[in-house]
Protein backbone atom coordinates (compact mmCIF):
# COMPACT_ATOMS: atom_id res chain seq x y z
CA MET A 1 -60.22 -48.02 -30.53
CA GLY A 2 -62.15 -44.97 -31.70
CA GLU A 3 -62.40 -43.21 -35.04
CA GLY A 4 -58.92 -44.01 -36.33
CA LYS A 5 -58.50 -47.73 -36.91
CA GLY A 6 -55.61 -48.76 -34.72
CA ASP A 7 -55.33 -45.52 -32.74
CA ILE A 8 -54.24 -45.78 -29.13
CA ILE A 9 -56.47 -43.36 -27.23
CA PHE A 10 -55.98 -41.78 -23.82
CA GLY A 11 -58.09 -39.31 -21.90
CA GLY A 12 -61.65 -38.09 -21.81
CA LEU A 13 -64.51 -39.55 -23.80
CA ASN A 14 -65.99 -36.13 -24.67
CA PRO A 15 -62.93 -33.89 -24.61
CA LYS A 16 -62.71 -30.22 -25.47
CA VAL A 17 -59.38 -30.87 -27.22
CA VAL A 18 -58.24 -33.90 -29.24
CA PHE A 19 -54.50 -34.11 -29.84
CA THR A 20 -53.60 -36.61 -32.57
CA GLU A 21 -49.95 -37.59 -32.77
CA VAL A 22 -48.96 -39.41 -35.96
CA ILE A 23 -45.81 -41.45 -35.46
CA ASN A 24 -43.63 -44.10 -36.99
CA PRO A 25 -42.55 -46.58 -34.28
CA HIS A 26 -39.04 -46.78 -35.76
CA CYS A 27 -38.49 -43.01 -35.70
CA GLY A 28 -36.35 -41.78 -32.78
CA PRO A 29 -37.84 -38.26 -32.67
CA CYS A 30 -41.36 -39.75 -32.87
CA GLY A 31 -40.65 -41.96 -29.87
CA ARG A 32 -39.45 -38.99 -27.86
CA ALA A 33 -42.43 -36.90 -29.00
CA ILE A 34 -44.82 -39.32 -27.26
CA ASN A 35 -43.57 -37.92 -23.96
CA GLU A 36 -44.89 -34.43 -24.76
CA PRO A 37 -48.73 -34.70 -24.67
CA ILE A 38 -49.28 -37.68 -22.35
CA PRO A 39 -48.31 -35.87 -19.09
CA LEU A 40 -50.94 -33.23 -19.90
CA LEU A 41 -53.58 -35.89 -19.29
CA ASP A 42 -52.80 -35.68 -15.56
CA ILE A 43 -53.68 -31.98 -15.66
CA PHE A 44 -56.70 -32.21 -17.98
CA PRO A 45 -58.01 -35.79 -17.63
CA GLU A 46 -61.50 -35.13 -19.00
CA ASP A 47 -60.89 -32.14 -21.28
CA LEU A 48 -58.06 -33.66 -23.32
CA GLN A 49 -57.84 -36.75 -25.46
CA VAL A 50 -54.53 -37.93 -26.92
CA ARG A 51 -54.64 -40.22 -29.93
CA ILE A 52 -51.51 -41.98 -31.08
CA ARG A 53 -51.80 -42.93 -34.73
CA PHE A 54 -49.18 -45.01 -36.48
CA THR A 55 -47.99 -44.39 -40.04
CA GLY A 56 -47.63 -47.15 -42.55
CA ARG A 57 -49.17 -48.78 -45.57
CA GLU A 58 -52.57 -50.34 -44.99
CA ASN A 59 -51.77 -53.54 -46.90
CA ASP A 60 -48.29 -53.92 -45.35
CA THR A 61 -48.34 -56.73 -42.81
CA GLU A 62 -44.78 -58.05 -42.96
CA SER A 63 -42.33 -55.15 -42.64
CA GLU A 64 -40.63 -54.51 -39.29
CA CYS A 65 -42.67 -51.32 -38.90
CA ALA A 66 -45.97 -53.14 -39.55
CA VAL A 67 -45.11 -55.94 -37.11
CA LEU A 68 -44.09 -53.48 -34.37
CA THR A 69 -47.20 -51.35 -34.93
CA HIS A 70 -49.40 -54.45 -34.67
CA ARG A 71 -47.67 -55.43 -31.41
CA LEU A 72 -48.12 -51.95 -29.94
CA ILE A 73 -51.81 -51.91 -30.82
CA SER A 74 -52.25 -55.45 -29.43
CA TYR A 75 -50.53 -54.38 -26.21
CA ALA A 76 -52.89 -51.43 -25.96
CA THR A 77 -55.94 -53.68 -26.23
CA THR A 78 -54.82 -55.95 -23.38
CA HIS A 79 -53.41 -53.47 -20.85
CA THR A 80 -54.73 -50.56 -18.80
CA GLN A 81 -54.20 -46.95 -19.81
CA VAL A 82 -51.80 -46.56 -16.89
CA GLU A 83 -49.69 -49.50 -18.10
CA ILE A 84 -49.72 -48.27 -21.69
CA LYS A 85 -48.74 -44.71 -20.71
CA LYS A 86 -45.91 -46.05 -18.55
CA ALA A 87 -44.67 -48.36 -21.30
CA LEU A 88 -44.73 -45.61 -23.93
CA THR A 89 -43.08 -42.95 -21.78
CA GLU A 90 -40.66 -44.91 -19.59
CA GLY A 91 -38.51 -46.92 -21.91
CA GLY A 92 -40.73 -48.82 -24.27
CA ILE A 93 -42.96 -51.80 -24.36
CA LYS A 94 -41.45 -55.21 -23.63
CA ILE A 95 -43.02 -57.54 -26.16
């Protein structure tokens, strides 16, 4: 997962630029904001890294936000970067 526990990471392993997007999975503008940096990975696949970091309370495991965040992170650990990018940018993850 990388430096941030629970981050979803796309892109190069030794990038020149790291873009960290902090989002709440229940926030409409946050969901739309995911579409902004991910397409740049096609242009700069090795020089850019995009990290998606979810907000929330560390000890919260039962709220809707915590459950959804856990599902998103679990999805990211069992699917390819192509599948994750598509799910995040083309209408959401079917869980």
